[in-house]
Amino acid sequence: MAEIKADATHEHRLIVAEADISHQKLHKPGRVASLDIFRGLTFALMILVDDAGGEWPMIGHAPWNGCNLADFVMPFFLFIVGMAIPLALKRIINRGQAVKKVIFRTLKLLFWGVLLQGGFSHAPDKLTYGVDMKEVRWCGILQRIAFAYLIMALVEIFTKEDTKPKDLPPGQFSMFRLYCWHWLVGACILVIYLSVIYGTYVPDWQFTINNRESADYGKIFNVACNVRGKLDPPCNAVGYVDRKILGIAHMYHRPAWRRSKACTENSPYEGPFQIDAPSWCHAPFEPEGILSSISSVLSTVIGVHFGHVLVQLKADSSRLKHWTLVGVALLVLGFVLHFTHAVPLNKQLYTFSYVCVTSGAAALVFSAIYVLVDIWGLKFIFLPFEWIGMNAMLVYVMAAAGIFAGFINGWYYDDPHNTLIYWIKKHIFIGVWHSQRVGILLYVIFAEILFWGIVAGALHSQGIYWKL
């Protein structure tokens, strides 16, 4: 994600600075803070659904079709990455240097993605590390962001005709015509995705349980498919492509579908499988796999368009009108596709209806933040989120590695279970609200998210920034 600075004029003219880690004070009198705050809010949402989703499954990932609160996190990240691209690449003096920077940032994201989600840090509370290369998970959130960023950043670089923003031609759809190459790339991606997902033949398949802690370790399960164009859990083309290319051992071993009604009586909570649960309930599935990552680039394409609007249109009213109309249109299209059963909302498959609904929601959320922050000047309300958004990479790495939970849980008095977390939950939140679920939810909101806001604020005060 790029760092965005602006002058203090009403037009919010954008000047972009390179920032991975900077040790110099940054002066930004008229900074367009909306994107940083949106990024910070998305990180807070990620922490909330990751840590409280187990107790509140209605905010966790949908087991299969549908869209819960957690299912907005990934597309929001991709949308934000897309918005940052036109700002970071507003002026390209040297295409070769720009490509080098894009490739370097992509490799950095891939490195951290494999390290954090590949299984190396698998028990931070117990300080145990290491991963068997036979089972390392190659895909993940940062890997998907890296892929989408690489594709759209290169498109942005090689479709620019000069170092200055283009003049906006007259006409109702001038923004779309001006950047038609981006939409052409999006159309090609959509055609490829739909062709593969509906045209690929999925044969019967089998897998072996490799988890040594499972009671079914070593057991072989068979899954009957022999179909084409299905979007159900066991027989979709997304899983088939990942099994063939990645290998089933390198896929995610605790997919959300384990909480579906077909697998467990405790749905939507996790629980023991039913005795007659289908064999696919035990199988791995990669929610950030190859084919779904190709489709996810569409979220970044839409984000890039919104970034172009920020660069090209100078009046706040024009920007908001465009963003709102596109956001509402995307929401309507996505819901129509879902409720007519043409294309279901599905995060695991990253279906087109899911792209539309989540991108439309991102558009409207960002528009609301833009009004509150950059027009009404209420930035002070969102300062912790702005700080988190300005140090996105550092917060993500530390949160994903369990640094906060590992540090707090590492201190106890007499009994290893007598930790600060236990005391806060029992004597403050649970003691007041008399509910373990409410206590955990409030703990995450008021303790962990606030903690990262303070850490990011301290770094901000020293002018230190480490971004995605």
Protein backbone atom coordinates (compact mmCIF):
# COMPACT_ATOMS: atom_id res chain seq x y z
CA MET A 1 0.00 0.00 0.00
CA ALA A 2 1.32 3.43 -0.87
CA GLU A 3 1.82 6.43 1.31
CA ILE A 4 -0.25 9.37 0.18
CA LYS A 5 0.47 12.99 0.92
CA ALA A 6 -1.48 16.03 -0.19
CA ASP A 7 -1.17 19.78 -0.08
CA ALA A 8 -3.53 21.92 1.91
CA THR A 9 -5.61 23.17 -0.98
CA HIS A 10 -9.28 22.43 -1.38
CA GLU A 11 -8.60 20.25 -4.42
CA HIS A 12 -6.53 17.76 -2.34
CA ARG A 13 -3.87 17.44 -5.04
CA LEU A 14 -1.98 14.23 -4.31
CA ILE A 15 1.77 13.85 -4.04
CA VAL A 16 3.07 10.37 -3.40
CA ALA A 17 6.15 9.45 -1.42
CA GLU A 18 7.86 6.08 -1.28
CA ALA A 19 7.61 4.68 2.25
CA ASP A 20 8.52 1.26 3.49
CA ILE A 21 10.32 2.26 6.71
CA SER A 22 11.13 5.94 7.19
CA HIS A 23 12.99 7.41 10.15
CA GLN A 24 12.31 11.03 9.24
CA LYS A 25 9.46 13.20 10.44
CA LEU A 26 6.73 13.49 7.87
CA HIS A 27 4.93 16.79 7.41
CA LYS A 28 1.51 16.39 5.84
CA PRO A 29 -0.67 19.44 6.45
CA GLY A 30 -3.44 18.57 4.05
CA ARG A 31 -3.14 14.80 3.97
CA VAL A 32 -6.04 12.91 2.43
CA ALA A 33 -6.53 10.73 5.49
CA SER A 34 -9.55 8.71 4.32
CA LEU A 35 -7.53 5.88 2.82
CA ASP A 36 -5.32 5.46 5.89
CA ILE A 37 -8.35 5.43 8.17
CA PHE A 38 -10.19 2.96 5.94
CA ARG A 39 -7.10 0.73 5.98
CA GLY A 40 -6.86 1.01 9.77
CA LEU A 41 -10.56 0.22 10.23
CA THR A 42 -10.15 -2.83 8.02
CA PHE A 43 -7.24 -4.03 10.15
CA ALA A 44 -9.34 -3.53 13.28
CA LEU A 45 -12.14 -5.50 11.64
CA MET A 46 -9.66 -8.28 10.82
CA ILE A 47 -8.52 -8.48 14.44
CA LEU A 48 -12.12 -8.44 15.66
CA VAL A 49 -13.39 -11.27 13.46
CA ASP A 50 -10.24 -13.37 13.92
CA ASP A 51 -10.28 -13.20 17.71
CA ALA A 52 -14.01 -12.98 18.44
CA GLY A 53 -15.37 -14.92 15.48
CA GLY A 54 -15.14 -18.24 17.31
CA GLU A 55 -17.52 -16.99 19.99
CA TRP A 56 -19.67 -15.00 17.58
CA PRO A 57 -19.97 -17.12 14.40
CA MET A 58 -22.38 -14.60 12.89
CA ILE A 59 -19.40 -12.29 12.39
CA GLY A 60 -16.99 -15.07 11.33
CA HIS A 61 -16.60 -16.41 7.81
CA ALA A 62 -19.72 -17.93 6.28
CA PRO A 63 -19.34 -21.74 6.13
CA TRP A 64 -20.02 -21.67 2.38
CA ASN A 65 -22.58 -19.48 0.56
CA GLY A 66 -23.42 -16.15 2.15
CA CYS A 67 -21.47 -13.16 3.38
CA ASN A 68 -20.75 -12.45 7.04
CA LEU A 69 -18.77 -9.56 8.51
CA ALA A 70 -15.44 -11.42 8.26
CA ASP A 71 -15.98 -11.95 4.55
CA PHE A 72 -15.57 -8.22 3.89
CA VAL A 73 -12.00 -8.03 5.20
CA MET A 74 -10.13 -9.51 2.22
CA PRO A 75 -11.99 -7.57 -0.52
CA PHE A 76 -11.64 -4.36 1.51
CA PHE A 77 -7.87 -4.87 1.60
CA LEU A 78 -7.78 -5.49 -2.15
CA PHE A 79 -9.96 -2.45 -2.81
CA ILE A 80 -7.61 -0.29 -0.71
CA VAL A 81 -4.56 -1.65 -2.53
CA GLY A 82 -6.25 -0.76 -5.81
CA MET A 83 -7.05 2.80 -4.69
CA ALA A 84 -3.43 3.34 -3.65
CA ILE A 85 -1.98 2.30 -7.01
CA PRO A 86 -2.98 5.39 -9.08
CA LEU A 87 -1.85 7.62 -6.22
CA ALA A 88 1.53 5.91 -5.85
CA LEU A 89 2.04 5.81 -9.61
CA LYS A 90 0.52 9.17 -10.44
CA ARG A 91 3.76 10.32 -12.05
CA ILE A 92 6.06 7.76 -13.61
CA ILE A 93 9.40 9.23 -14.62
CA ASN A 94 11.08 5.93 -15.42
CA ARG A 95 9.07 2.80 -16.19
CA GLY A 96 12.01 0.51 -15.42
CA GLN A 97 12.45 1.96 -11.93
CA ALA A 98 8.71 1.79 -11.30
CA VAL A 99 8.61 -1.88 -12.30
CA LYS A 100 11.56 -2.66 -10.00
CA LYS A 101 9.77 -1.05 -7.05
CA VAL A 102 6.57 -2.95 -7.80
CA ILE A 103 8.41 -6.28 -8.05
CA PHE A 104 10.35 -5.62 -4.84
CA ARG A 105 7.16 -4.81 -2.94
CA THR A 106 5.51 -7.93 -4.37
CA LEU A 107 8.39 -10.14 -3.21
CA LYS A 108 8.24 -8.55 0.23
CA LEU A 109 4.55 -9.36 0.53
CA LEU A 110 5.12 -12.92 -0.67
CA PHE A 111 7.92 -13.45 1.87
CA TRP A 112 5.85 -12.29 4.82
CA GLY A 113 2.81 -14.16 3.58
CA VAL A 114 4.57 -17.52 3.42
CA LEU A 115 6.33 -16.92 6.74
CA LEU A 116 3.18 -15.91 8.62
CA GLN A 117 0.59 -18.18 7.02
CA GLY A 118 2.74 -21.00 5.75
CA GLY A 119 2.76 -22.60 9.19
CA PHE A 120 6.17 -21.50 10.50
CA SER A 121 4.73 -19.67 13.52
CA HIS A 122 2.13 -22.26 14.42
CA ALA A 123 1.86 -21.83 18.19
CA PRO A 124 2.97 -18.33 19.26
CA ASP A 125 1.52 -18.73 22.75
CA LYS A 126 3.88 -21.67 23.30
CA LEU A 127 6.74 -20.05 21.34
CA THR A 128 7.07 -23.00 18.98
CA TYR A 129 8.10 -22.52 15.37
CA GLY A 130 9.07 -24.45 12.27
CA VAL A 131 7.24 -26.03 9.34
CA ASP A 132 7.61 -29.20 7.34
CA MET A 133 8.25 -28.17 3.74
CA LYS A 134 6.05 -31.06 2.64
CA GLU A 135 3.06 -29.33 4.24
CA VAL A 136 3.86 -25.61 4.00
CA ARG A 137 0.87 -23.53 2.94
CA TRP A 138 1.87 -21.50 -0.12
CA CYS A 139 -1.25 -19.36 -0.37
CA GLY A 140 -2.60 -16.77 2.02
CA ILE A 141 -3.86 -13.21 2.47
CA LEU A 142 -0.59 -11.40 1.72
CA GLN A 143 0.15 -13.68 -1.22
CA ARG A 144 -3.24 -12.79 -2.73
CA ILE A 145 -2.65 -9.09 -2.13
CA ALA A 146 0.79 -9.42 -3.74
CA PHE A 147 -0.67 -11.06 -6.85
CA ALA A 148 -3.45 -8.50 -7.30
CA TYR A 149 -1.06 -5.62 -6.63
CA LEU A 150 1.50 -6.92 -9.15
CA ILE A 151 -1.05 -7.34 -11.94
CA MET A 152 -2.75 -3.96 -11.55
CA ALA A 153 0.41 -1.98 -10.80
CA LEU A 154 2.00 -3.29 -14.01
CA VAL A 155 -1.16 -2.45 -15.95
CA GLU A 156 -1.06 1.07 -14.50
CA ILE A 157 2.62 1.50 -15.40
CA PHE A 158 2.39 0.27 -18.97
CA THR A 159 -0.86 2.00 -19.90
CA LYS A 160 0.27 5.48 -18.88
CA GLU A 161 1.16 7.58 -21.91
CA ASP A 162 3.11 10.27 -20.06
CA THR A 163 4.16 11.38 -16.59
CA LYS A 164 1.09 13.54 -15.96
CA PRO A 165 -2.55 12.58 -15.34
CA LYS A 166 -4.57 12.51 -18.52
CA ASP A 167 -7.18 15.11 -19.31
CA LEU A 168 -10.69 13.89 -18.67
CA PRO A 169 -12.66 13.74 -21.93
CA PRO A 170 -16.28 14.96 -22.00
CA GLY A 171 -19.12 12.51 -21.62
CA GLN A 172 -21.08 10.63 -18.99
CA PHE A 173 -18.78 7.60 -18.96
CA SER A 174 -15.54 9.50 -19.52
CA MET A 175 -13.81 7.98 -16.47
CA PHE A 176 -14.43 4.49 -17.81
CA ARG A 177 -13.29 5.38 -21.32
CA LEU A 178 -10.16 7.12 -20.10
CA TYR A 179 -8.96 3.97 -18.34
CA CYS A 180 -10.50 1.41 -20.65
CA TRP A 181 -7.39 -0.81 -20.51
CA HIS A 182 -7.97 -1.49 -16.84
CA TRP A 183 -11.54 -2.56 -17.46
CA LEU A 184 -10.43 -4.68 -20.43
CA VAL A 185 -8.02 -6.52 -18.11
CA GLY A 186 -10.89 -6.97 -15.63
CA ALA A 187 -13.16 -8.34 -18.37
CA CYS A 188 -10.49 -10.83 -19.47
CA ILE A 189 -10.02 -11.98 -15.87
CA LEU A 190 -13.77 -12.46 -15.46
CA VAL A 191 -14.06 -14.44 -18.71
CA ILE A 192 -11.15 -16.70 -17.74
CA TYR A 193 -12.57 -17.27 -14.26
CA LEU A 194 -16.11 -18.04 -15.44
CA SER A 195 -14.84 -20.30 -18.24
CA VAL A 196 -12.75 -22.38 -15.85
CA ILE A 197 -15.22 -22.52 -12.96
CA TYR A 198 -18.16 -23.55 -15.15
CA GLY A 199 -16.29 -25.48 -17.86
CA THR A 200 -13.84 -27.62 -15.89
CA TYR A 201 -14.68 -31.27 -15.39
CA VAL A 202 -14.10 -32.35 -11.78
CA PRO A 203 -13.48 -36.11 -11.41
CA ASP A 204 -13.78 -38.21 -8.27
CA TRP A 205 -10.90 -37.65 -5.84
CA GLN A 206 -9.48 -38.92 -2.58
CA PHE A 207 -7.29 -37.66 0.25
CA THR A 208 -5.48 -38.91 3.32
CA ILE A 209 -5.66 -37.31 6.78
CA ASN A 210 -2.10 -36.14 7.56
CA ASN A 211 -2.80 -34.42 10.88
CA ARG A 212 -1.10 -36.57 13.53
CA GLU A 213 -3.34 -35.13 16.25
CA SER A 214 -6.51 -36.25 14.44
CA ALA A 215 -8.28 -39.47 15.41
CA ASP A 216 -8.57 -40.13 11.66
CA TYR A 217 -4.81 -39.84 11.02
CA GLY A 218 -3.81 -41.98 8.07
CA LYS A 219 -7.42 -42.64 7.02
CA ILE A 220 -8.23 -42.35 3.30
CA PHE A 221 -11.46 -40.66 2.24
CA ASN A 222 -13.07 -40.80 -1.21
CA VAL A 223 -15.17 -37.97 -2.68
CA ALA A 224 -17.56 -38.67 -5.56
CA CYS A 225 -17.89 -35.84 -8.11
CA ASN A 226 -17.75 -36.68 -11.81
CA VAL A 227 -19.47 -33.36 -12.66
CA ARG A 228 -18.88 -30.07 -14.42
CA GLY A 229 -19.81 -26.52 -13.39
CA LYS A 230 -20.82 -27.21 -9.78
CA LEU A 231 -20.28 -24.65 -7.02
CA ASP A 232 -20.80 -26.96 -4.04
CA PRO A 233 -17.98 -27.61 -1.51
CA PRO A 234 -16.61 -30.95 -2.77
CA CYS A 235 -16.88 -30.63 -6.54
CA ASN A 236 -16.04 -27.06 -7.57
CA ALA A 237 -13.29 -26.20 -10.04
CA VAL A 238 -11.55 -23.89 -7.53
CA GLY A 239 -10.67 -26.76 -5.22
CA TYR A 240 -9.84 -29.05 -8.13
CA VAL A 241 -7.31 -26.61 -9.60
CA ASP A 242 -5.64 -26.14 -6.20
CA ARG A 243 -5.43 -29.88 -5.56
CA LYS A 244 -3.82 -30.41 -8.95
CA ILE A 245 -1.35 -27.53 -8.86
CA LEU A 246 -0.63 -26.87 -5.18
CA GLY A 247 -1.18 -30.37 -3.87
CA ILE A 248 -3.67 -31.16 -1.14
CA ALA A 249 -0.96 -31.20 1.56
CA HIS A 250 -0.25 -27.50 0.89
CA MET A 251 -3.85 -26.33 1.32
CA TYR A 252 -5.64 -24.89 4.36
CA HIS A 253 -6.61 -27.69 6.74
CA ARG A 254 -9.38 -25.94 8.69
CA PRO A 255 -11.71 -24.46 6.02
CA ALA A 256 -14.88 -22.65 7.06
CA TRP A 257 -17.05 -25.37 5.53
CA ARG A 258 -16.27 -27.55 8.58
CA ARG A 259 -18.90 -25.44 10.39
CA SER A 260 -21.62 -26.12 7.81
CA LYS A 261 -24.81 -27.99 8.70
CA ALA A 262 -23.76 -30.92 6.54
CA CYS A 263 -20.67 -31.45 8.71
CA THR A 264 -21.57 -30.61 12.30
CA GLU A 265 -24.71 -30.37 14.40
CA ASN A 266 -23.25 -27.30 16.14
CA SER A 267 -23.35 -25.21 12.95
CA PRO A 268 -22.46 -22.38 12.63
CA TYR A 269 -20.17 -23.14 15.59
CA GLU A 270 -17.31 -25.58 15.28
CA GLY A 271 -17.88 -28.98 16.78
CA PRO A 272 -17.42 -32.70 16.30
CA PHE A 273 -18.48 -33.97 12.89
CA GLN A 274 -21.73 -35.82 12.58
CA ILE A 275 -21.43 -39.59 12.34
CA ASP A 276 -22.78 -39.53 8.79
CA ALA A 277 -20.91 -36.36 7.77
CA PRO A 278 -19.81 -36.37 4.11
CA SER A 279 -16.21 -37.32 3.48
CA TRP A 280 -15.35 -33.84 2.12
CA CYS A 281 -15.93 -32.34 5.59
CA HIS A 282 -12.53 -33.78 6.58
CA ALA A 283 -10.75 -32.41 3.49
CA PRO A 284 -8.53 -29.33 3.20
CA PHE A 285 -9.62 -26.40 1.05
CA GLU A 286 -7.62 -23.32 0.09
CA PRO A 287 -9.73 -20.13 0.50
CA GLU A 288 -6.90 -18.06 -1.02
CA GLY A 289 -6.13 -20.47 -3.85
CA ILE A 290 -5.13 -19.98 -7.47
CA LEU A 291 -8.41 -19.58 -9.33
CA SER A 292 -10.09 -17.54 -6.59
CA SER A 293 -7.01 -15.27 -6.46
CA ILE A 294 -7.39 -14.62 -10.18
CA SER A 295 -10.99 -13.58 -9.56
CA SER A 296 -9.95 -11.44 -6.58
CA VAL A 297 -8.01 -9.13 -8.90
CA LEU A 298 -11.43 -7.75 -9.88
CA SER A 299 -11.73 -6.15 -6.42
CA THR A 300 -8.43 -4.38 -7.07
CA VAL A 301 -9.56 -3.28 -10.55
CA ILE A 302 -12.55 -1.55 -8.95
CA GLY A 303 -10.29 0.00 -6.30
CA VAL A 304 -7.96 1.31 -9.01
CA HIS A 305 -10.92 2.99 -10.68
CA PHE A 306 -11.81 4.74 -7.42
CA GLY A 307 -8.21 5.89 -7.09
CA HIS A 308 -8.39 7.34 -10.60
CA VAL A 309 -11.52 9.25 -9.61
CA LEU A 310 -9.60 10.73 -6.66
CA VAL A 311 -6.81 11.84 -8.99
CA GLN A 312 -8.89 13.07 -11.94
CA LEU A 313 -11.92 14.74 -10.35
CA LYS A 314 -11.17 17.81 -8.26
CA ALA A 315 -14.57 18.61 -6.72
CA ASP A 316 -15.64 16.62 -3.68
CA SER A 317 -19.23 16.51 -4.91
CA SER A 318 -18.16 14.99 -8.24
CA ARG A 319 -16.04 12.36 -6.51
CA LEU A 320 -18.81 11.39 -4.08
CA LYS A 321 -21.46 11.26 -6.81
CA HIS A 322 -19.33 8.92 -8.91
CA TRP A 323 -18.29 6.71 -5.99
CA THR A 324 -21.83 6.44 -4.62
CA LEU A 325 -23.44 5.61 -7.96
CA VAL A 326 -20.86 2.93 -8.74
CA GLY A 327 -21.08 1.51 -5.21
CA VAL A 328 -24.87 1.25 -5.26
CA ALA A 329 -24.82 -0.27 -8.76
CA LEU A 330 -22.35 -2.93 -7.65
CA LEU A 331 -24.42 -3.77 -4.57
CA VAL A 332 -27.62 -4.10 -6.60
CA LEU A 333 -25.95 -6.26 -9.25
CA GLY A 334 -24.37 -8.53 -6.65
CA PHE A 335 -27.57 -9.04 -4.68
CA VAL A 336 -29.59 -9.67 -7.86
CA LEU A 337 -27.12 -12.36 -8.93
CA HIS A 338 -27.25 -13.95 -5.48
CA PHE A 339 -30.97 -13.89 -4.77
CA THR A 340 -31.91 -15.03 -8.27
CA HIS A 341 -29.57 -18.01 -7.64
CA ALA A 342 -27.59 -17.14 -10.76
CA VAL A 343 -24.28 -16.72 -8.90
CA PRO A 344 -24.22 -17.20 -5.12
CA LEU A 345 -22.25 -14.99 -2.76
CA ASN A 346 -19.23 -17.10 -1.84
CA LYS A 347 -15.94 -15.90 -0.40
CA GLN A 348 -14.23 -19.30 -0.72
CA LEU A 349 -14.81 -19.30 -4.49
CA TYR A 350 -14.60 -15.50 -4.83
CA THR A 351 -17.64 -15.45 -7.09
CA PHE A 352 -18.58 -12.45 -9.22
CA SER A 353 -21.60 -11.62 -7.04
CA TYR A 354 -19.26 -11.61 -4.03
CA VAL A 355 -16.92 -9.21 -5.86
CA CYS A 356 -19.83 -6.86 -6.59
CA VAL A 357 -21.34 -6.84 -3.10
CA THR A 358 -18.07 -6.44 -1.20
CA SER A 359 -16.66 -3.86 -3.61
CA GLY A 360 -19.91 -1.91 -3.48
CA ALA A 361 -19.79 -1.99 0.31
CA ALA A 362 -16.15 -0.84 0.24
CA ALA A 363 -17.12 2.04 -2.05
CA LEU A 364 -19.88 3.26 0.26
CA VAL A 365 -17.83 2.82 3.44
CA PHE A 366 -14.92 4.75 1.95
CA SER A 367 -17.28 7.48 0.71
CA ALA A 368 -18.71 7.87 4.20
CA ILE A 369 -15.21 8.09 5.71
CA TYR A 370 -14.22 10.63 3.06
CA VAL A 371 -17.19 12.84 4.00
CA LEU A 372 -16.48 12.62 7.74
CA VAL A 373 -12.72 13.09 7.50
CA ASP A 374 -11.71 15.02 4.40
CA ILE A 375 -14.81 17.19 4.03
CA TRP A 376 -16.14 17.67 7.57
CA GLY A 377 -12.67 17.52 9.17
CA LEU A 378 -13.53 14.97 11.89
CA LYS A 379 -10.22 13.15 11.59
CA PHE A 380 -9.51 13.32 15.34
CA ILE A 381 -12.29 10.78 16.01
CA PHE A 382 -10.43 8.17 13.94
CA LEU A 383 -6.83 8.92 14.97
CA PRO A 384 -6.02 5.40 16.31
CA PHE A 385 -7.27 3.89 13.05
CA GLU A 386 -5.28 6.39 11.00
CA TRP A 387 -2.12 5.43 12.91
CA ILE A 388 -2.80 1.74 12.33
CA GLY A 389 -3.41 2.39 8.64
CA MET A 390 -0.15 4.31 8.33
CA ASN A 391 1.79 1.38 9.81
CA ALA A 392 -0.22 -1.35 8.17
CA MET A 393 2.55 -3.85 7.52
CA LEU A 394 4.00 -3.75 11.01
CA VAL A 395 0.60 -4.17 12.67
CA TYR A 396 -0.32 -7.01 10.32
CA VAL A 397 2.93 -8.91 10.90
CA MET A 398 2.74 -8.57 14.68
CA ALA A 399 -0.99 -9.36 14.85
CA ALA A 400 -0.81 -12.33 12.49
CA ALA A 401 2.17 -13.77 14.39
CA GLY A 402 0.26 -13.51 17.67
CA ILE A 403 2.77 -11.11 19.21
CA PHE A 404 0.19 -9.38 21.41
CA ALA A 405 -1.43 -12.57 22.73
CA GLY A 406 1.95 -14.27 23.12
CA PHE A 407 3.40 -11.35 25.08
CA ILE A 408 0.42 -10.88 27.41
CA ASN A 409 -0.04 -14.62 27.99
CA GLY A 410 3.65 -14.95 28.81
CA TRP A 411 3.19 -13.20 32.17
CA TYR A 412 1.28 -14.93 34.94
CA TYR A 413 1.16 -15.05 38.73
CA ASP A 414 1.70 -18.42 40.42
CA ASP A 415 -0.75 -20.36 38.19
CA PRO A 416 0.00 -20.38 34.41
CA HIS A 417 -3.72 -19.79 33.82
CA ASN A 418 -3.70 -16.67 36.02
CA THR A 419 -2.78 -14.23 33.24
CA LEU A 420 -3.74 -10.63 32.62
CA ILE A 421 -6.07 -11.68 29.80
CA TYR A 422 -7.89 -14.10 32.11
CA TRP A 423 -8.19 -11.42 34.82
CA ILE A 424 -9.53 -8.79 32.40
CA LYS A 425 -12.10 -11.16 30.92
CA LYS A 426 -13.25 -12.55 34.25
CA HIS A 427 -13.23 -9.48 36.51
CA ILE A 428 -14.03 -6.65 34.11
CA PHE A 429 -15.92 -7.61 30.99
CA ILE A 430 -17.49 -10.94 31.95
CA GLY A 431 -18.03 -9.78 35.52
CA VAL A 432 -19.99 -6.74 34.35
CA TRP A 433 -21.90 -8.22 31.41
CA HIS A 434 -22.21 -11.79 32.76
CA SER A 435 -21.47 -13.26 29.36
CA GLN A 436 -18.29 -14.92 28.18
CA ARG A 437 -19.03 -14.11 24.55
CA VAL A 438 -19.71 -10.43 25.28
CA GLY A 439 -16.59 -10.32 27.46
CA ILE A 440 -14.36 -11.70 24.71
CA LEU A 441 -15.88 -9.34 22.14
CA LEU A 442 -15.36 -6.28 24.33
CA TYR A 443 -11.87 -7.42 25.27
CA VAL A 444 -10.85 -7.58 21.62
CA ILE A 445 -12.35 -4.16 20.88
CA PHE A 446 -11.10 -2.26 23.92
CA ALA A 447 -7.84 -4.07 24.64
CA GLU A 448 -6.24 -5.56 21.56
CA ILE A 449 -7.35 -3.05 18.91
CA LEU A 450 -6.61 -0.16 21.28
CA PHE A 451 -3.18 -1.69 21.95
CA TRP A 452 -2.29 -1.67 18.27
CA GLY A 453 -3.58 1.89 17.93
CA ILE A 454 -1.26 3.01 20.73
CA VAL A 455 1.72 1.13 19.24
CA ALA A 456 1.09 2.59 15.79
CA GLY A 457 0.60 6.05 17.31
CA ALA A 458 3.95 5.82 19.12
CA LEU A 459 5.66 4.91 15.83
CA HIS A 460 3.83 7.72 14.07
CA SER A 461 5.13 10.22 16.63
CA GLN A 462 8.66 9.15 15.68
CA GLY A 463 7.99 9.33 11.95
CA ILE A 464 8.37 5.56 11.47
CA TYR A 465 6.17 3.89 8.87
CA TRP A 466 6.13 0.37 7.48
CA LYS A 467 3.42 -0.19 4.93
CA LEU A 468 2.09 -3.02 2.84
